[in-house]
Amino acid sequence: KDLKNFYKKCVNDLGLNVIGLMCIPPNDGKEKTYFKEMSELSRLIGLKELSMGMSSDYLQAVKNHSTYVRIGSNIFGQRS
């Protein structure tokens, strides 16, 4: 609800250079819903970067305009 106000406060009052949003959704099988909402929020405030998606769901994240994905376990294998 307050993303626009929070973003404005970070940029205007705190002088932060916010370039994008990041999310790691809960492991409830609804990644598509979260990624779609994050993409809409990012567009709403005009950010260029969107970091979401991990090895198990990065394709869905990319379909929703993710510009950064975390695919370490696909590259390096599962953690022990």
PDB file of N, CA and C in Angstrom:
ATOM      1  N   LYS A   1       0.805  -1.197   0.000  1.00  0.00           N
ATOM      2  CA  LYS A   1       0.000   0.000   0.000  1.00  0.00           C
ATOM      3  C   LYS A   1       0.847   1.259   0.000  1.00  0.00           C
ATOM      4  N   ASP A   2       1.908   1.253   0.772  1.00  0.00           N
ATOM      5  CA  ASP A   2       2.688   2.468   0.966  1.00  0.00           C
ATOM      6  C   ASP A   2       3.992   2.487   0.181  1.00  0.00           C
ATOM      7  N   LEU A   3       4.110   1.680  -0.841  1.00  0.00           N
ATOM      8  CA  LEU A   3       5.375   1.612  -1.576  1.00  0.00           C
ATOM      9  C   LEU A   3       5.768   2.964  -2.160  1.00  0.00           C
ATOM     10  N   LYS A   4       4.833   3.661  -2.776  1.00  0.00           N
ATOM     11  CA  LYS A   4       5.160   4.961  -3.370  1.00  0.00           C
ATOM     12  C   LYS A   4       5.698   5.930  -2.324  1.00  0.00           C
ATOM     13  N   ASN A   5       5.024   6.006  -1.179  1.00  0.00           N
ATOM     14  CA  ASN A   5       5.471   6.908  -0.115  1.00  0.00           C
ATOM     15  C   ASN A   5       6.823   6.484   0.448  1.00  0.00           C
ATOM     16  N   PHE A   6       7.000   5.186   0.620  1.00  0.00           N
ATOM     17  CA  PHE A   6       8.274   4.673   1.130  1.00  0.00           C
ATOM     18  C   PHE A   6       9.403   4.980   0.153  1.00  0.00           C
ATOM     19  N   TYR A   7       9.149   4.762  -1.123  1.00  0.00           N
ATOM     20  CA  TYR A   7      10.145   5.055  -2.154  1.00  0.00           C
ATOM     21  C   TYR A   7      10.507   6.544  -2.143  1.00  0.00           C
ATOM     22  N   LYS A   8       9.499   7.405  -2.103  1.00  0.00           N
ATOM     23  CA  LYS A   8       9.749   8.851  -2.092  1.00  0.00           C
ATOM     24  C   LYS A   8      10.552   9.263  -0.867  1.00  0.00           C
ATOM     25  N   LYS A   9      10.243   8.697   0.290  1.00  0.00           N
ATOM     26  CA  LYS A   9      10.986   9.014   1.506  1.00  0.00           C
ATOM     27  C   LYS A   9      12.444   8.582   1.375  1.00  0.00           C
ATOM     28  N   CYS A  10      12.664   7.393   0.860  1.00  0.00           N
ATOM     29  CA  CYS A  10      14.036   6.892   0.691  1.00  0.00           C
ATOM     30  C   CYS A  10      14.843   7.787  -0.242  1.00  0.00           C
ATOM     31  N   VAL A  11      14.229   8.194  -1.337  1.00  0.00           N
ATOM     32  CA  VAL A  11      14.927   9.000  -2.335  1.00  0.00           C
ATOM     33  C   VAL A  11      15.042  10.458  -1.897  1.00  0.00           C
ATOM     34  N   ASN A  12      13.925  11.061  -1.534  1.00  0.00           N
ATOM     35  CA  ASN A  12      13.902  12.497  -1.245  1.00  0.00           C
ATOM     36  C   ASN A  12      14.462  12.852   0.132  1.00  0.00           C
ATOM     37  N   ASP A  13      14.045  12.122   1.152  1.00  0.00           N
ATOM     38  CA  ASP A  13      14.452  12.475   2.515  1.00  0.00           C
ATOM     39  C   ASP A  13      15.791  11.869   2.916  1.00  0.00           C
ATOM     40  N   LEU A  14      16.063  10.662   2.436  1.00  0.00           N
ATOM     41  CA  LEU A  14      17.287   9.969   2.852  1.00  0.00           C
ATOM     42  C   LEU A  14      18.387  10.012   1.804  1.00  0.00           C
ATOM     43  N   GLY A  15      18.056  10.462   0.604  1.00  0.00           N
ATOM     44  CA  GLY A  15      19.056  10.582  -0.454  1.00  0.00           C
ATOM     45  C   GLY A  15      19.567   9.261  -0.999  1.00  0.00           C
ATOM     46  N   LEU A  16      18.753   8.220  -0.878  1.00  0.00           N
ATOM     47  CA  LEU A  16      19.175   6.910  -1.368  1.00  0.00           C
ATOM     48  C   LEU A  16      18.967   6.799  -2.874  1.00  0.00           C
ATOM     49  N   ASN A  17      19.830   6.046  -3.518  1.00  0.00           N
ATOM     50  CA  ASN A  17      19.727   5.797  -4.950  1.00  0.00           C
ATOM     51  C   ASN A  17      19.058   4.428  -5.148  1.00  0.00           C
ATOM     52  N   VAL A  18      17.760   4.399  -5.056  1.00  0.00           N
ATOM     53  CA  VAL A  18      17.007   3.150  -5.197  1.00  0.00           C
ATOM     54  C   VAL A  18      16.879   2.843  -6.684  1.00  0.00           C
ATOM     55  N   ILE A  19      17.433   1.699  -7.105  1.00  0.00           N
ATOM     56  CA  ILE A  19      17.406   1.363  -8.529  1.00  0.00           C
ATOM     57  C   ILE A  19      16.417   0.253  -8.858  1.00  0.00           C
ATOM     58  N   GLY A  20      15.901  -0.430  -7.834  1.00  0.00           N
ATOM     59  CA  GLY A  20      14.982  -1.510  -8.122  1.00  0.00           C
ATOM     60  C   GLY A  20      14.393  -2.136  -6.876  1.00  0.00           C
ATOM     61  N   LEU A  21      13.626  -3.178  -7.106  1.00  0.00           N
ATOM     62  CA  LEU A  21      12.988  -3.944  -6.036  1.00  0.00           C
ATOM     63  C   LEU A  21      13.540  -5.361  -6.037  1.00  0.00           C
ATOM     64  N   MET A  22      13.448  -6.023  -4.894  1.00  0.00           N
ATOM     65  CA  MET A  22      13.886  -7.411  -4.764  1.00  0.00           C
ATOM     66  C   MET A  22      12.875  -8.168  -3.936  1.00  0.00           C
ATOM     67  N   CYS A  23      12.650  -9.424  -4.297  1.00  0.00           N
ATOM     68  CA  CYS A  23      11.789 -10.255  -3.461  1.00  0.00           C
ATOM     69  C   CYS A  23      12.242 -11.710  -3.512  1.00  0.00           C
ATOM     70  N   ILE A  24      11.967 -12.389  -2.436  1.00  0.00           N
ATOM     71  CA  ILE A  24      12.075 -13.846  -2.360  1.00  0.00           C
ATOM     72  C   ILE A  24      10.720 -14.294  -1.828  1.00  0.00           C
ATOM     73  N   PRO A  25       9.880 -14.862  -2.684  1.00  0.00           N
ATOM     74  CA  PRO A  25       8.533 -15.217  -2.244  1.00  0.00           C
ATOM     75  C   PRO A  25       8.532 -16.417  -1.308  1.00  0.00           C
ATOM     76  N   PRO A  26       7.466 -16.559  -0.535  1.00  0.00           N
ATOM     77  CA  PRO A  26       7.344 -17.748   0.316  1.00  0.00           C
ATOM     78  C   PRO A  26       7.288 -19.002  -0.548  1.00  0.00           C
ATOM     79  N   ASN A  27       7.661 -20.086   0.021  1.00  0.00           N
ATOM     80  CA  ASN A  27       7.667 -21.366  -0.697  1.00  0.00           C
ATOM     81  C   ASN A  27       6.277 -22.004  -0.606  1.00  0.00           C
ATOM     82  N   ASP A  28       5.304 -21.362  -1.251  1.00  0.00           N
ATOM     83  CA  ASP A  28       3.929 -21.858  -1.168  1.00  0.00           C
ATOM     84  C   ASP A  28       3.341 -22.221  -2.532  1.00  0.00           C
ATOM     85  N   GLY A  29       4.205 -22.246  -3.565  1.00  0.00           N
ATOM     86  CA  GLY A  29       3.742 -22.631  -4.892  1.00  0.00           C
ATOM     87  C   GLY A  29       3.019 -21.528  -5.651  1.00  0.00           C
ATOM     88  N   LYS A  30       3.055 -20.303  -5.135  1.00  0.00           N
ATOM     89  CA  LYS A  30       2.361 -19.192  -5.786  1.00  0.00           C
ATOM     90  C   LYS A  30       3.341 -18.141  -6.310  1.00  0.00           C
ATOM     91  N   GLU A  31       4.522 -18.578  -6.741  1.00  0.00           N
ATOM     92  CA  GLU A  31       5.547 -17.647  -7.196  1.00  0.00           C
ATOM     93  C   GLU A  31       5.027 -16.729  -8.296  1.00  0.00           C
ATOM     94  N   LYS A  32       4.267 -17.280  -9.215  1.00  0.00           N
ATOM     95  CA  LYS A  32       3.757 -16.501 -10.342  1.00  0.00           C
ATOM     96  C   LYS A  32       2.978 -15.273  -9.847  1.00  0.00           C
ATOM     97  N   THR A  33       2.162 -15.451  -8.827  1.00  0.00           N
ATOM     98  CA  THR A  33       1.373 -14.354  -8.263  1.00  0.00           C
ATOM     99  C   THR A  33       2.277 -13.275  -7.685  1.00  0.00           C
ATOM    100  N   TYR A  34       3.276 -13.675  -6.912  1.00  0.00           N
ATOM    101  CA  TYR A  34       4.192 -12.713  -6.287  1.00  0.00           C
ATOM    102  C   TYR A  34       5.027 -11.989  -7.337  1.00  0.00           C
ATOM    103  N   PHE A  35       5.527 -12.728  -8.319  1.00  0.00           N
ATOM    104  CA  PHE A  35       6.354 -12.120  -9.353  1.00  0.00           C
ATOM    105  C   PHE A  35       5.552 -11.119 -10.182  1.00  0.00           C
ATOM    106  N   LYS A  36       4.316 -11.455 -10.484  1.00  0.00           N
ATOM    107  CA  LYS A  36       3.467 -10.544 -11.246  1.00  0.00           C
ATOM    108  C   LYS A  36       3.233  -9.256 -10.455  1.00  0.00           C
ATOM    109  N   GLU A  37       2.940  -9.388  -9.175  1.00  0.00           N
ATOM    110  CA  GLU A  37       2.706  -8.208  -8.343  1.00  0.00           C
ATOM    111  C   GLU A  37       3.965  -7.349  -8.231  1.00  0.00           C
ATOM    112  N   MET A  38       5.118  -7.971  -8.065  1.00  0.00           N
ATOM    113  CA  MET A  38       6.367  -7.217  -7.984  1.00  0.00           C
ATOM    114  C   MET A  38       6.641  -6.480  -9.283  1.00  0.00           C
ATOM    115  N   SER A  39       6.368  -7.113 -10.404  1.00  0.00           N
ATOM    116  CA  SER A  39       6.560  -6.470 -11.697  1.00  0.00           C
ATOM    117  C   SER A  39       5.666  -5.247 -11.830  1.00  0.00           C
ATOM    118  N   GLU A  40       4.419  -5.375 -11.399  1.00  0.00           N
ATOM    119  CA  GLU A  40       3.485  -4.239 -11.443  1.00  0.00           C
ATOM    120  C   GLU A  40       3.932  -3.110 -10.523  1.00  0.00           C
ATOM    121  N   LEU A  41       4.410  -3.444  -9.332  1.00  0.00           N
ATOM    122  CA  LEU A  41       4.888  -2.426  -8.396  1.00  0.00           C
ATOM    123  C   LEU A  41       6.110  -1.701  -8.953  1.00  0.00           C
ATOM    124  N   SER A  42       6.998  -2.443  -9.572  1.00  0.00           N
ATOM    125  CA  SER A  42       8.194  -1.850 -10.153  1.00  0.00           C
ATOM    126  C   SER A  42       7.833  -0.856 -11.251  1.00  0.00           C
ATOM    127  N   ARG A  43       6.907  -1.240 -12.091  1.00  0.00           N
ATOM    128  CA  ARG A  43       6.445  -0.339 -13.157  1.00  0.00           C
ATOM    129  C   ARG A  43       5.734   0.882 -12.578  1.00  0.00           C
ATOM    130  N   LEU A  44       4.993   0.687 -11.506  1.00  0.00           N
ATOM    131  CA  LEU A  44       4.239   1.771 -10.883  1.00  0.00           C
ATOM    132  C   LEU A  44       5.136   2.929 -10.460  1.00  0.00           C
ATOM    133  N   ILE A  45       6.302   2.603  -9.924  1.00  0.00           N
ATOM    134  CA  ILE A  45       7.195   3.674  -9.478  1.00  0.00           C
ATOM    135  C   ILE A  45       8.337   3.922 -10.452  1.00  0.00           C
ATOM    136  N   GLY A  46       8.355   3.213 -11.563  1.00  0.00           N
ATOM    137  CA  GLY A  46       9.309   3.497 -12.635  1.00  0.00           C
ATOM    138  C   GLY A  46      10.729   3.049 -12.395  1.00  0.00           C
ATOM    139  N   LEU A  47      10.906   1.906 -11.737  1.00  0.00           N
ATOM    140  CA  LEU A  47      12.253   1.399 -11.494  1.00  0.00           C
ATOM    141  C   LEU A  47      12.705   0.504 -12.648  1.00  0.00           C
ATOM    142  N   LYS A  48      14.012   0.476 -12.875  1.00  0.00           N
ATOM    143  CA  LYS A  48      14.565  -0.282 -13.998  1.00  0.00           C
ATOM    144  C   LYS A  48      14.942  -1.710 -13.630  1.00  0.00           C
ATOM    145  N   GLU A  49      15.264  -1.957 -12.383  1.00  0.00           N
ATOM    146  CA  GLU A  49      15.759  -3.271 -11.978  1.00  0.00           C
ATOM    147  C   GLU A  49      14.748  -3.999 -11.102  1.00  0.00           C
ATOM    148  N   LEU A  50      14.716  -5.313 -11.268  1.00  0.00           N
ATOM    149  CA  LEU A  50      13.813  -6.161 -10.495  1.00  0.00           C
ATOM    150  C   LEU A  50      14.523  -7.477 -10.227  1.00  0.00           C
ATOM    151  N   SER A  51      14.840  -7.722  -8.982  1.00  0.00           N
ATOM    152  CA  SER A  51      15.571  -8.921  -8.593  1.00  0.00           C
ATOM    153  C   SER A  51      14.614  -9.909  -7.937  1.00  0.00           C
ATOM    154  N   MET A  52      14.348 -10.976  -8.646  1.00  0.00           N
ATOM    155  CA  MET A  52      13.491 -12.039  -8.098  1.00  0.00           C
ATOM    156  C   MET A  52      13.728 -13.298  -8.901  1.00  0.00           C
ATOM    157  N   GLY A  53      13.547 -14.412  -8.265  1.00  0.00           N
ATOM    158  CA  GLY A  53      13.740 -15.697  -8.918  1.00  0.00           C
ATOM    159  C   GLY A  53      15.005 -16.377  -8.448  1.00  0.00           C
ATOM    160  N   MET A  54      14.868 -17.666  -8.191  1.00  0.00           N
ATOM    161  CA  MET A  54      15.999 -18.491  -7.784  1.00  0.00           C
ATOM    162  C   MET A  54      16.040 -19.702  -8.707  1.00  0.00           C
ATOM    163  N   SER A  55      16.937 -20.618  -8.445  1.00  0.00           N
ATOM    164  CA  SER A  55      17.124 -21.758  -9.335  1.00  0.00           C
ATOM    165  C   SER A  55      15.830 -22.498  -9.642  1.00  0.00           C
ATOM    166  N   SER A  56      14.952 -22.583  -8.677  1.00  0.00           N
ATOM    167  CA  SER A  56      13.729 -23.377  -8.872  1.00  0.00           C
ATOM    168  C   SER A  56      12.614 -22.626  -9.592  1.00  0.00           C
ATOM    169  N   ASP A  57      12.704 -21.291  -9.665  1.00  0.00           N
ATOM    170  CA  ASP A  57      11.595 -20.535 -10.246  1.00  0.00           C
ATOM    171  C   ASP A  57      12.035 -19.378 -11.141  1.00  0.00           C
ATOM    172  N   TYR A  58      13.287 -19.385 -11.558  1.00  0.00           N
ATOM    173  CA  TYR A  58      13.804 -18.243 -12.307  1.00  0.00           C
ATOM    174  C   TYR A  58      13.114 -18.040 -13.658  1.00  0.00           C
ATOM    175  N   LEU A  59      12.674 -19.105 -14.301  1.00  0.00           N
ATOM    176  CA  LEU A  59      11.998 -18.937 -15.590  1.00  0.00           C
ATOM    177  C   LEU A  59      10.701 -18.149 -15.434  1.00  0.00           C
ATOM    178  N   GLN A  60       9.957 -18.429 -14.384  1.00  0.00           N
ATOM    179  CA  GLN A  60       8.736 -17.674 -14.110  1.00  0.00           C
ATOM    180  C   GLN A  60       9.069 -16.223 -13.773  1.00  0.00           C
ATOM    181  N   ALA A  61      10.153 -16.015 -13.050  1.00  0.00           N
ATOM    182  CA  ALA A  61      10.570 -14.652 -12.704  1.00  0.00           C
ATOM    183  C   ALA A  61      10.938 -13.862 -13.962  1.00  0.00           C
ATOM    184  N   VAL A  62      11.652 -14.486 -14.863  1.00  0.00           N
ATOM    185  CA  VAL A  62      12.044 -13.811 -16.109  1.00  0.00           C
ATOM    186  C   VAL A  62      10.808 -13.457 -16.938  1.00  0.00           C
ATOM    187  N   LYS A  63       9.822 -14.331 -16.944  1.00  0.00           N
ATOM    188  CA  LYS A  63       8.574 -14.042 -17.664  1.00  0.00           C
ATOM    189  C   LYS A  63       7.877 -12.806 -17.091  1.00  0.00           C
ATOM    190  N   ASN A  64       8.192 -12.483 -15.839  1.00  0.00           N
ATOM    191  CA  ASN A  64       7.602 -11.322 -15.179  1.00  0.00           C
ATOM    192  C   ASN A  64       8.606 -10.182 -15.049  1.00  0.00           C
ATOM    193  N   HIS A  65       9.539 -10.113 -15.982  1.00  0.00           N
ATOM    194  CA  HIS A  65      10.451  -8.983 -16.147  1.00  0.00           C
ATOM    195  C   HIS A  65      11.565  -8.875 -15.114  1.00  0.00           C
ATOM    196  N   SER A  66      11.946  -9.978 -14.485  1.00  0.00           N
ATOM    197  CA  SER A  66      13.078  -9.929 -13.568  1.00  0.00           C
ATOM    198  C   SER A  66      14.347  -9.603 -14.353  1.00  0.00           C
ATOM    199  N   THR A  67      15.162  -8.703 -13.810  1.00  0.00           N
ATOM    200  CA  THR A  67      16.421  -8.353 -14.449  1.00  0.00           C
ATOM    201  C   THR A  67      17.611  -9.015 -13.756  1.00  0.00           C
ATOM    202  N   TYR A  68      17.390  -9.542 -12.570  1.00  0.00           N
ATOM    203  CA  TYR A  68      18.405 -10.289 -11.833  1.00  0.00           C
ATOM    204  C   TYR A  68      17.764 -11.567 -11.307  1.00  0.00           C
ATOM    205  N   VAL A  69      18.463 -12.689 -11.432  1.00  0.00           N
ATOM    206  CA  VAL A  69      18.010 -13.946 -10.843  1.00  0.00           C
ATOM    207  C   VAL A  69      19.166 -14.558 -10.065  1.00  0.00           C
ATOM    208  N   ARG A  70      18.819 -15.348  -9.059  1.00  0.00           N
ATOM    209  CA  ARG A  70      19.816 -16.007  -8.223  1.00  0.00           C
ATOM    210  C   ARG A  70      19.753 -17.505  -8.528  1.00  0.00           C
ATOM    211  N   ILE A  71      20.743 -17.990  -9.252  1.00  0.00           N
ATOM    212  CA  ILE A  71      20.699 -19.385  -9.697  1.00  0.00           C
ATOM    213  C   ILE A  71      21.945 -20.156  -9.252  1.00  0.00           C
ATOM    214  N   GLY A  72      22.435 -19.816  -8.077  1.00  0.00           N
ATOM    215  CA  GLY A  72      23.649 -20.441  -7.559  1.00  0.00           C
ATOM    216  C   GLY A  72      23.571 -21.951  -7.456  1.00  0.00           C
ATOM    217  N   SER A  73      22.469 -22.496  -6.966  1.00  0.00           N
ATOM    218  CA  SER A  73      22.400 -23.958  -6.810  1.00  0.00           C
ATOM    219  C   SER A  73      22.330 -24.667  -8.159  1.00  0.00           C
ATOM    220  N   ASN A  74      21.851 -24.004  -9.202  1.00  0.00           N
ATOM    221  CA  ASN A  74      21.898 -24.598 -10.547  1.00  0.00           C
ATOM    222  C   ASN A  74      23.331 -24.644 -11.074  1.00  0.00           C
ATOM    223  N   ILE A  75      24.145 -23.703 -10.633  1.00  0.00           N
ATOM    224  CA  ILE A  75      25.539 -23.650 -11.082  1.00  0.00           C
ATOM    225  C   ILE A  75      26.447 -24.492 -10.181  1.00  0.00           C
ATOM    226  N   PHE A  76      26.311 -24.309  -8.867  1.00  0.00           N
ATOM    227  CA  PHE A  76      27.223 -24.924  -7.924  1.00  0.00           C
ATOM    228  C   PHE A  76      26.684 -26.172  -7.225  1.00  0.00           C
ATOM    229  N   GLY A  77      25.414 -26.471  -7.402  1.00  0.00           N
ATOM    230  CA  GLY A  77      24.787 -27.605  -6.745  1.00  0.00           C
ATOM    231  C   GLY A  77      24.147 -27.198  -5.437  1.00  0.00           C
ATOM    232  N   GLN A  78      23.396 -28.111  -4.869  1.00  0.00           N
ATOM    233  CA  GLN A  78      22.687 -27.853  -3.616  1.00  0.00           C
ATOM    234  C   GLN A  78      23.660 -27.706  -2.456  1.00  0.00           C
ATOM    235  N   ARG A  79      23.274 -26.919  -1.488  1.00  0.00           N
ATOM    236  CA  ARG A  79      24.091 -26.769  -0.277  1.00  0.00           C
ATOM    237  C   ARG A  79      23.978 -28.041   0.539  1.00  0.00           C
ATOM    238  N   SER A  80      25.032 -28.313   1.277  1.00  0.00           N
ATOM    239  CA  SER A  80      24.992 -29.511   2.134  1.00  0.00           C
ATOM    240  C   SER A  80      24.691 -29.167   3.561  1.00  0.00           C
TER     241      SER A  80
END
